[in-house]
Amino acid sequence: MDVKGTVAIVTGAARGIGQATALALAREGAGGVVVADVKAAELEQTAEQVRAAGAEVLIAETDVSDLASLRAMFEETEARFGRLDVVHNNAGIGEGPSTWPEVAPERAAAIIDVNLRGVVLGTQLALEPMKRSGGGVVVNTSSGGAFVPLPPQAVYVATKAGVVHFTRSCVALHASHGVRVNAVCPGIVETPMVHETGEGGIADWLKPLVDAIEPLRPEDIAEAVLALVRDDSKVGEAVVVENQPRAQ
């Protein structure tokens, strides 16, 4: 798909990978970019950068774990732009400073709702608008952790494995709706979540691993997302973006 002139939704767009993807889409020539996040106050910075790159922006305060909130985002997108071509289901959270099994059950439930339920519903709700637009591309953010056990983040990696299997199970949507669904599976990315030790942060237990590798940049993942959007041969793929060992 040629990104130029497309309309895209990016969830989790307030910072990190989502922010980088929204900006990359705008720089590639997207006509409209919906920047969505539950942290509405933090979206303006992303929106300013996207506008400066030449795209029209819609700010959507969206909780991807809430079906009504997701529906409203898709309805507002189609009402504003008249079409939908690209969705990056990127919003995600982890166990935070707690590790499995000490993590609060409420937090575990939220991880499942945001990381997996949000991706499933975000894909499903994109289908009809994309079909009306002549087809589209969904890219789901999974993780390199989807393929290996990670005891401190057992719930997180379970959801990310679910995203991979869900994505691979959506191959038939290409024929039925003209929608290609793929996933990007990053290694450790230099985002605020890596360094925070409060709610949502994972710095303490992750530090030894971070010290041993070169963290990826959000822009690296954004480029992988755009590659999946551009390449019409990619259907049901889960593309891993790996870290390299830190130079000694």
C-alpha atoms as a PDB file:
ATOM      1  CA  MET A   1       0.000   0.000   0.000  1.00  0.00           C
ATOM      2  CA  ASP A   2       1.181   3.476  -0.827  1.00  0.00           C
ATOM      3  CA  VAL A   3       0.950   5.470   2.411  1.00  0.00           C
ATOM      4  CA  LYS A   4       0.481   8.774   0.598  1.00  0.00           C
ATOM      5  CA  GLY A   5      -3.025  10.123   1.144  1.00  0.00           C
ATOM      6  CA  THR A   6      -4.103   7.356   3.515  1.00  0.00           C
ATOM      7  CA  VAL A   7      -5.986   7.728   6.786  1.00  0.00           C
ATOM      8  CA  ALA A   8      -4.436   5.931   9.746  1.00  0.00           C
ATOM      9  CA  ILE A   9      -5.251   5.249  13.394  1.00  0.00           C
ATOM     10  CA  VAL A  10      -2.442   4.725  15.905  1.00  0.00           C
ATOM     11  CA  THR A  11      -3.292   3.695  19.468  1.00  0.00           C
ATOM     12  CA  GLY A  12      -0.885   4.241  22.323  1.00  0.00           C
ATOM     13  CA  ALA A  13       0.252   7.310  20.389  1.00  0.00           C
ATOM     14  CA  ALA A  14       1.109   9.592  23.315  1.00  0.00           C
ATOM     15  CA  ARG A  15       4.722   8.453  23.384  1.00  0.00           C
ATOM     16  CA  GLY A  16       7.158   5.704  22.453  1.00  0.00           C
ATOM     17  CA  ILE A  17       6.413   3.413  19.521  1.00  0.00           C
ATOM     18  CA  GLY A  18       2.968   4.847  18.866  1.00  0.00           C
ATOM     19  CA  GLN A  19       4.233   8.406  18.729  1.00  0.00           C
ATOM     20  CA  ALA A  20       7.048   7.386  16.382  1.00  0.00           C
ATOM     21  CA  THR A  21       4.654   5.499  14.098  1.00  0.00           C
ATOM     22  CA  ALA A  22       2.192   8.389  13.901  1.00  0.00           C
ATOM     23  CA  LEU A  23       5.012  10.738  12.919  1.00  0.00           C
ATOM     24  CA  ALA A  24       6.474   8.259  10.414  1.00  0.00           C
ATOM     25  CA  LEU A  25       3.093   7.869   8.716  1.00  0.00           C
ATOM     26  CA  ALA A  26       2.751  11.637   8.433  1.00  0.00           C
ATOM     27  CA  ARG A  27       6.248  11.995   6.996  1.00  0.00           C
ATOM     28  CA  GLU A  28       5.447   9.239   4.500  1.00  0.00           C
ATOM     29  CA  GLY A  29       2.510  11.308   3.238  1.00  0.00           C
ATOM     30  CA  ALA A  30      -0.541  10.073   5.150  1.00  0.00           C
ATOM     31  CA  GLY A  31      -3.389  12.522   4.700  1.00  0.00           C
ATOM     32  CA  GLY A  32      -4.951  11.998   8.109  1.00  0.00           C
ATOM     33  CA  VAL A  33      -3.600  10.478  11.314  1.00  0.00           C
ATOM     34  CA  VAL A  34      -5.742   9.684  14.338  1.00  0.00           C
ATOM     35  CA  VAL A  35      -3.572   9.759  17.452  1.00  0.00           C
ATOM     36  CA  ALA A  36      -5.309   7.785  20.188  1.00  0.00           C
ATOM     37  CA  ASP A  37      -4.388   7.184  23.795  1.00  0.00           C
ATOM     38  CA  VAL A  38      -5.980   6.936  27.215  1.00  0.00           C
ATOM     39  CA  LYS A  39      -3.522   9.687  28.269  1.00  0.00           C
ATOM     40  CA  ALA A  40      -5.302  12.477  26.406  1.00  0.00           C
ATOM     41  CA  ALA A  41      -3.247  15.269  27.971  1.00  0.00           C
ATOM     42  CA  GLU A  42      -0.062  13.778  26.498  1.00  0.00           C
ATOM     43  CA  LEU A  43      -1.367  13.535  22.931  1.00  0.00           C
ATOM     44  CA  GLU A  44      -0.919  17.185  21.986  1.00  0.00           C
ATOM     45  CA  GLN A  45       2.842  16.835  21.584  1.00  0.00           C
ATOM     46  CA  THR A  46       2.341  13.949  19.156  1.00  0.00           C
ATOM     47  CA  ALA A  47      -0.366  15.889  17.344  1.00  0.00           C
ATOM     48  CA  GLU A  48       1.880  18.933  16.927  1.00  0.00           C
ATOM     49  CA  GLN A  49       4.643  16.817  15.396  1.00  0.00           C
ATOM     50  CA  VAL A  50       2.226  15.075  13.035  1.00  0.00           C
ATOM     51  CA  ARG A  51       0.752  18.397  11.904  1.00  0.00           C
ATOM     52  CA  ALA A  52       4.233  19.787  11.327  1.00  0.00           C
ATOM     53  CA  ALA A  53       4.948  16.777   9.103  1.00  0.00           C
ATOM     54  CA  GLY A  54       1.984  17.691   6.917  1.00  0.00           C
ATOM     55  CA  ALA A  55      -0.887  15.438   7.992  1.00  0.00           C
ATOM     56  CA  GLU A  56      -4.291  16.392   9.330  1.00  0.00           C
ATOM     57  CA  VAL A  57      -4.692  15.197  12.915  1.00  0.00           C
ATOM     58  CA  LEU A  58      -7.564  13.917  15.006  1.00  0.00           C
ATOM     59  CA  ILE A  59      -6.914  13.520  18.735  1.00  0.00           C
ATOM     60  CA  ALA A  60      -8.936  10.650  20.195  1.00  0.00           C
ATOM     61  CA  GLU A  61      -9.028  10.020  23.936  1.00  0.00           C
ATOM     62  CA  THR A  62      -9.459   6.257  23.770  1.00  0.00           C
ATOM     63  CA  ASP A  63      -9.372   3.389  26.229  1.00  0.00           C
ATOM     64  CA  VAL A  64      -8.760   0.351  24.039  1.00  0.00           C
ATOM     65  CA  SER A  65      -9.996  -1.948  26.803  1.00  0.00           C
ATOM     66  CA  ASP A  66     -13.434  -0.317  26.571  1.00  0.00           C
ATOM     67  CA  LEU A  67     -15.583  -1.355  23.612  1.00  0.00           C
ATOM     68  CA  ALA A  68     -17.670   1.827  23.617  1.00  0.00           C
ATOM     69  CA  SER A  69     -14.527   3.966  23.612  1.00  0.00           C
ATOM     70  CA  LEU A  70     -13.064   2.011  20.700  1.00  0.00           C
ATOM     71  CA  ARG A  71     -16.308   2.220  18.733  1.00  0.00           C
ATOM     72  CA  ALA A  72     -16.401   5.977  19.230  1.00  0.00           C
ATOM     73  CA  MET A  73     -12.838   6.286  17.900  1.00  0.00           C
ATOM     74  CA  PHE A  74     -13.648   4.413  14.692  1.00  0.00           C
ATOM     75  CA  GLU A  75     -16.914   6.287  14.179  1.00  0.00           C
ATOM     76  CA  GLU A  76     -15.236   9.658  14.699  1.00  0.00           C
ATOM     77  CA  THR A  77     -12.452   8.700  12.291  1.00  0.00           C
ATOM     78  CA  GLU A  78     -14.833   7.797   9.495  1.00  0.00           C
ATOM     79  CA  ALA A  79     -17.002  10.849  10.150  1.00  0.00           C
ATOM     80  CA  ARG A  80     -13.975  13.154   9.987  1.00  0.00           C
ATOM     81  CA  PHE A  81     -12.025  11.639   7.106  1.00  0.00           C
ATOM     82  CA  GLY A  82     -14.560   9.506   5.230  1.00  0.00           C
ATOM     83  CA  ARG A  83     -12.288   6.478   5.047  1.00  0.00           C
ATOM     84  CA  LEU A  84      -9.851   4.253   6.955  1.00  0.00           C
ATOM     85  CA  ASP A  85      -6.771   2.597   5.476  1.00  0.00           C
ATOM     86  CA  VAL A  86      -4.296   1.776   8.255  1.00  0.00           C
ATOM     87  CA  VAL A  87      -4.621   0.806  11.922  1.00  0.00           C
ATOM     88  CA  HIS A  88      -1.683   0.291  14.258  1.00  0.00           C
ATOM     89  CA  ASN A  89      -3.021  -1.465  17.359  1.00  0.00           C
ATOM     90  CA  ASN A  90      -0.119  -0.464  19.564  1.00  0.00           C
ATOM     91  CA  ALA A  91      -1.465   0.400  23.022  1.00  0.00           C
ATOM     92  CA  GLY A  92      -0.020  -1.885  25.679  1.00  0.00           C
ATOM     93  CA  ILE A  93       0.894  -2.173  29.352  1.00  0.00           C
ATOM     94  CA  GLY A  94       2.949  -4.545  31.497  1.00  0.00           C
ATOM     95  CA  GLU A  95       2.990  -5.833  35.043  1.00  0.00           C
ATOM     96  CA  GLY A  96       4.716  -2.646  36.178  1.00  0.00           C
ATOM     97  CA  PRO A  97       7.176  -2.767  39.065  1.00  0.00           C
ATOM     98  CA  SER A  98       5.427  -5.862  40.418  1.00  0.00           C
ATOM     99  CA  THR A  99       6.285  -9.232  38.936  1.00  0.00           C
ATOM    100  CA  TRP A 100       4.276 -12.405  38.471  1.00  0.00           C
ATOM    101  CA  PRO A 101       2.605 -13.672  40.647  1.00  0.00           C
ATOM    102  CA  GLU A 102       2.748 -10.691  43.047  1.00  0.00           C
ATOM    103  CA  VAL A 103       1.091  -8.393  40.505  1.00  0.00           C
ATOM    104  CA  ALA A 104      -2.395  -7.367  41.636  1.00  0.00           C
ATOM    105  CA  PRO A 105      -5.192  -9.364  39.984  1.00  0.00           C
ATOM    106  CA  GLU A 106      -6.747  -6.079  38.866  1.00  0.00           C
ATOM    107  CA  ARG A 107      -3.536  -5.177  37.062  1.00  0.00           C
ATOM    108  CA  ALA A 108      -3.330  -8.631  35.476  1.00  0.00           C
ATOM    109  CA  ALA A 109      -6.875  -8.210  34.185  1.00  0.00           C
ATOM    110  CA  ALA A 110      -6.016  -4.787  32.780  1.00  0.00           C
ATOM    111  CA  ILE A 111      -2.990  -6.188  30.923  1.00  0.00           C
ATOM    112  CA  ILE A 112      -5.189  -8.778  29.234  1.00  0.00           C
ATOM    113  CA  ASP A 113      -7.848  -6.200  28.394  1.00  0.00           C
ATOM    114  CA  VAL A 114      -5.455  -3.647  26.900  1.00  0.00           C
ATOM    115  CA  ASN A 115      -2.900  -5.892  25.214  1.00  0.00           C
ATOM    116  CA  LEU A 116      -5.094  -8.651  23.800  1.00  0.00           C
ATOM    117  CA  ARG A 117      -8.747  -7.642  23.965  1.00  0.00           C
ATOM    118  CA  GLY A 118      -7.859  -4.195  22.633  1.00  0.00           C
ATOM    119  CA  VAL A 119      -6.035  -5.715  19.665  1.00  0.00           C
ATOM    120  CA  VAL A 120      -8.818  -8.177  18.853  1.00  0.00           C
ATOM    121  CA  LEU A 121     -11.539  -5.528  19.006  1.00  0.00           C
ATOM    122  CA  GLY A 122      -9.371  -2.913  17.313  1.00  0.00           C
ATOM    123  CA  THR A 123      -8.909  -5.282  14.393  1.00  0.00           C
ATOM    124  CA  GLN A 124     -12.554  -6.318  14.253  1.00  0.00           C
ATOM    125  CA  LEU A 125     -13.879  -2.757  14.325  1.00  0.00           C
ATOM    126  CA  ALA A 126     -11.503  -1.745  11.524  1.00  0.00           C
ATOM    127  CA  LEU A 127     -12.829  -4.315   9.069  1.00  0.00           C
ATOM    128  CA  GLU A 128     -16.008  -2.686   7.790  1.00  0.00           C
ATOM    129  CA  PRO A 129     -14.572   0.855   7.472  1.00  0.00           C
ATOM    130  CA  MET A 130     -11.580  -0.577   5.620  1.00  0.00           C
ATOM    131  CA  LYS A 131     -13.790  -2.679   3.369  1.00  0.00           C
ATOM    132  CA  ARG A 132     -15.773   0.445   2.496  1.00  0.00           C
ATOM    133  CA  SER A 133     -12.468   2.156   1.693  1.00  0.00           C
ATOM    134  CA  GLY A 134     -11.382  -0.597  -0.684  1.00  0.00           C
ATOM    135  CA  GLY A 135      -9.179  -2.500   1.758  1.00  0.00           C
ATOM    136  CA  GLY A 136      -6.588  -1.723   4.381  1.00  0.00           C
ATOM    137  CA  VAL A 137      -3.770  -2.830   6.651  1.00  0.00           C
ATOM    138  CA  VAL A 138      -3.752  -3.608  10.375  1.00  0.00           C
ATOM    139  CA  VAL A 139      -0.451  -3.875  12.233  1.00  0.00           C
ATOM    140  CA  ASN A 140      -0.589  -5.219  15.778  1.00  0.00           C
ATOM    141  CA  THR A 141       2.200  -4.629  18.281  1.00  0.00           C
ATOM    142  CA  SER A 142       3.281  -7.898  19.862  1.00  0.00           C
ATOM    143  CA  SER A 143       6.721  -8.476  21.407  1.00  0.00           C
ATOM    144  CA  GLY A 144       9.826 -10.579  21.056  1.00  0.00           C
ATOM    145  CA  GLY A 145       8.714 -11.892  24.442  1.00  0.00           C
ATOM    146  CA  ALA A 146       5.822 -13.634  22.709  1.00  0.00           C
ATOM    147  CA  PHE A 147       8.178 -16.456  21.742  1.00  0.00           C
ATOM    148  CA  VAL A 148      10.072 -17.080  24.987  1.00  0.00           C
ATOM    149  CA  PRO A 149       9.116 -17.618  28.642  1.00  0.00           C
ATOM    150  CA  LEU A 150       9.574 -14.485  30.754  1.00  0.00           C
ATOM    151  CA  PRO A 151       8.602 -15.342  34.353  1.00  0.00           C
ATOM    152  CA  PRO A 152       8.581 -11.776  35.765  1.00  0.00           C
ATOM    153  CA  GLN A 153       6.142 -10.688  33.035  1.00  0.00           C
ATOM    154  CA  ALA A 154       4.121 -13.870  32.592  1.00  0.00           C
ATOM    155  CA  VAL A 155       0.834 -12.086  31.928  1.00  0.00           C
ATOM    156  CA  TYR A 156       2.410  -9.619  29.507  1.00  0.00           C
ATOM    157  CA  VAL A 157       4.104 -12.273  27.371  1.00  0.00           C
ATOM    158  CA  ALA A 158       0.952 -14.401  27.397  1.00  0.00           C
ATOM    159  CA  THR A 159      -0.994 -11.506  25.889  1.00  0.00           C
ATOM    160  CA  LYS A 160       1.716 -10.849  23.326  1.00  0.00           C
ATOM    161  CA  ALA A 161       1.766 -14.521  22.299  1.00  0.00           C
ATOM    162  CA  GLY A 162      -1.984 -14.225  21.915  1.00  0.00           C
ATOM    163  CA  VAL A 163      -1.504 -11.249  19.600  1.00  0.00           C
ATOM    164  CA  VAL A 164       0.793 -13.305  17.367  1.00  0.00           C
ATOM    165  CA  HIS A 165      -1.632 -16.224  17.117  1.00  0.00           C
ATOM    166  CA  PHE A 166      -4.588 -13.898  16.592  1.00  0.00           C
ATOM    167  CA  THR A 167      -2.729 -12.090  13.814  1.00  0.00           C
ATOM    168  CA  ARG A 168      -1.805 -15.340  12.085  1.00  0.00           C
ATOM    169  CA  SER A 169      -5.424 -16.442  12.346  1.00  0.00           C
ATOM    170  CA  CYS A 170      -6.607 -13.353  10.443  1.00  0.00           C
ATOM    171  CA  VAL A 171      -5.129 -14.380   7.094  1.00  0.00           C
ATOM    172  CA  ALA A 172      -8.572 -15.031   5.598  1.00  0.00           C
ATOM    173  CA  LEU A 173      -9.549 -11.385   6.108  1.00  0.00           C
ATOM    174  CA  HIS A 174      -7.433 -10.509   3.089  1.00  0.00           C
ATOM    175  CA  ALA A 175      -9.840 -12.386   0.832  1.00  0.00           C
ATOM    176  CA  SER A 176     -13.070 -11.501   2.648  1.00  0.00           C
ATOM    177  CA  HIS A 177     -12.445  -7.821   3.419  1.00  0.00           C
ATOM    178  CA  GLY A 178      -9.304  -6.823   1.539  1.00  0.00           C
ATOM    179  CA  VAL A 179      -7.557  -6.319   4.880  1.00  0.00           C
ATOM    180  CA  ARG A 180      -4.016  -7.494   5.575  1.00  0.00           C
ATOM    181  CA  VAL A 181      -3.263  -8.134   9.262  1.00  0.00           C
ATOM    182  CA  ASN A 182       0.340  -8.387  10.446  1.00  0.00           C
ATOM    183  CA  ALA A 183       2.251  -8.011  13.702  1.00  0.00           C
ATOM    184  CA  VAL A 184       5.507  -6.389  14.699  1.00  0.00           C
ATOM    185  CA  CYS A 185       7.399  -8.033  17.564  1.00  0.00           C
ATOM    186  CA  PRO A 186       9.978  -5.672  19.056  1.00  0.00           C
ATOM    187  CA  GLY A 187      12.782  -6.594  21.365  1.00  0.00           C
ATOM    188  CA  ILE A 188      13.592  -4.128  24.139  1.00  0.00           C
ATOM    189  CA  VAL A 189      12.843  -0.602  22.993  1.00  0.00           C
ATOM    190  CA  GLU A 190      14.134   2.651  24.476  1.00  0.00           C
ATOM    191  CA  THR A 191      10.774   3.916  25.743  1.00  0.00           C
ATOM    192  CA  PRO A 192       9.685   5.579  29.002  1.00  0.00           C
ATOM    193  CA  MET A 193       8.165   2.275  30.146  1.00  0.00           C
ATOM    194  CA  VAL A 194      11.611   0.660  30.274  1.00  0.00           C
ATOM    195  CA  HIS A 195      12.921   3.239  32.728  1.00  0.00           C
ATOM    196  CA  GLU A 196       9.891   3.863  34.933  1.00  0.00           C
ATOM    197  CA  THR A 197       9.597   2.067  38.262  1.00  0.00           C
ATOM    198  CA  GLY A 198       6.102   3.315  39.057  1.00  0.00           C
ATOM    199  CA  GLU A 199       2.801   2.150  37.598  1.00  0.00           C
ATOM    200  CA  GLY A 200       3.555   0.555  34.240  1.00  0.00           C
ATOM    201  CA  GLY A 201       7.332   0.693  34.613  1.00  0.00           C
ATOM    202  CA  ILE A 202       9.621  -2.342  34.434  1.00  0.00           C
ATOM    203  CA  ALA A 203      13.081  -0.891  35.036  1.00  0.00           C
ATOM    204  CA  ASP A 204      14.222  -2.770  38.153  1.00  0.00           C
ATOM    205  CA  TRP A 205      13.970  -6.373  36.990  1.00  0.00           C
ATOM    206  CA  LEU A 206      14.820  -5.506  33.379  1.00  0.00           C
ATOM    207  CA  LYS A 207      17.999  -3.524  34.072  1.00  0.00           C
ATOM    208  CA  PRO A 208      20.483  -6.438  33.791  1.00  0.00           C
ATOM    209  CA  LEU A 209      19.094  -7.356  30.380  1.00  0.00           C
ATOM    210  CA  VAL A 210      19.031  -3.752  29.168  1.00  0.00           C
ATOM    211  CA  ASP A 211      22.659  -3.353  30.197  1.00  0.00           C
ATOM    212  CA  ALA A 212      23.648  -6.308  27.998  1.00  0.00           C
ATOM    213  CA  ILE A 213      22.039  -5.187  24.743  1.00  0.00           C
ATOM    214  CA  GLU A 214      21.576  -2.155  22.541  1.00  0.00           C
ATOM    215  CA  PRO A 215      17.977  -1.018  23.011  1.00  0.00           C
ATOM    216  CA  LEU A 216      16.010  -0.388  19.856  1.00  0.00           C
ATOM    217  CA  ARG A 217      14.647   3.089  19.157  1.00  0.00           C
ATOM    218  CA  PRO A 218      10.907   3.682  18.725  1.00  0.00           C
ATOM    219  CA  GLU A 219      11.766   4.868  15.220  1.00  0.00           C
ATOM    220  CA  ASP A 220      13.163   1.405  14.414  1.00  0.00           C
ATOM    221  CA  ILE A 221       9.797  -0.134  15.197  1.00  0.00           C
ATOM    222  CA  ALA A 222       7.914   2.575  13.327  1.00  0.00           C
ATOM    223  CA  GLU A 223       9.928   1.763  10.215  1.00  0.00           C
ATOM    224  CA  ALA A 224       9.079  -1.932  10.621  1.00  0.00           C
ATOM    225  CA  VAL A 225       5.401  -0.993  10.861  1.00  0.00           C
ATOM    226  CA  LEU A 226       5.619   1.093   7.694  1.00  0.00           C
ATOM    227  CA  ALA A 227       7.387  -1.753   5.897  1.00  0.00           C
ATOM    228  CA  LEU A 228       4.442  -4.028   6.713  1.00  0.00           C
ATOM    229  CA  VAL A 229       2.011  -1.386   5.483  1.00  0.00           C
ATOM    230  CA  ARG A 230       3.878  -0.893   2.210  1.00  0.00           C
ATOM    231  CA  ASP A 231       4.486  -4.553   1.326  1.00  0.00           C
ATOM    232  CA  ASP A 232       1.294  -5.995  -0.166  1.00  0.00           C
ATOM    233  CA  SER A 233       2.742  -9.517   0.028  1.00  0.00           C
ATOM    234  CA  LYS A 234       2.779  -9.470   3.844  1.00  0.00           C
ATOM    235  CA  VAL A 235      -0.299 -11.226   5.238  1.00  0.00           C
ATOM    236  CA  GLY A 236      -0.452 -12.852   8.680  1.00  0.00           C
ATOM    237  CA  GLU A 237       3.240 -12.174   9.320  1.00  0.00           C
ATOM    238  CA  ALA A 238       4.795 -11.673  12.761  1.00  0.00           C
ATOM    239  CA  VAL A 239       8.004  -9.753  12.129  1.00  0.00           C
ATOM    240  CA  VAL A 240      10.594  -9.770  14.921  1.00  0.00           C
ATOM    241  CA  VAL A 241      12.825  -6.719  15.363  1.00  0.00           C
ATOM    242  CA  GLU A 242      15.780  -7.953  17.407  1.00  0.00           C
ATOM    243  CA  ASN A 243      18.245  -6.247  19.714  1.00  0.00           C
ATOM    244  CA  GLN A 244      21.966  -6.516  19.133  1.00  0.00           C
ATOM    245  CA  PRO A 245      24.484  -7.236  21.925  1.00  0.00           C
ATOM    246  CA  ARG A 246      25.988  -4.136  23.486  1.00  0.00           C
ATOM    247  CA  ALA A 247      29.526  -3.468  22.270  1.00  0.00           C
ATOM    248  CA  GLN A 248      32.117  -4.221  24.945  1.00  0.00           C
END
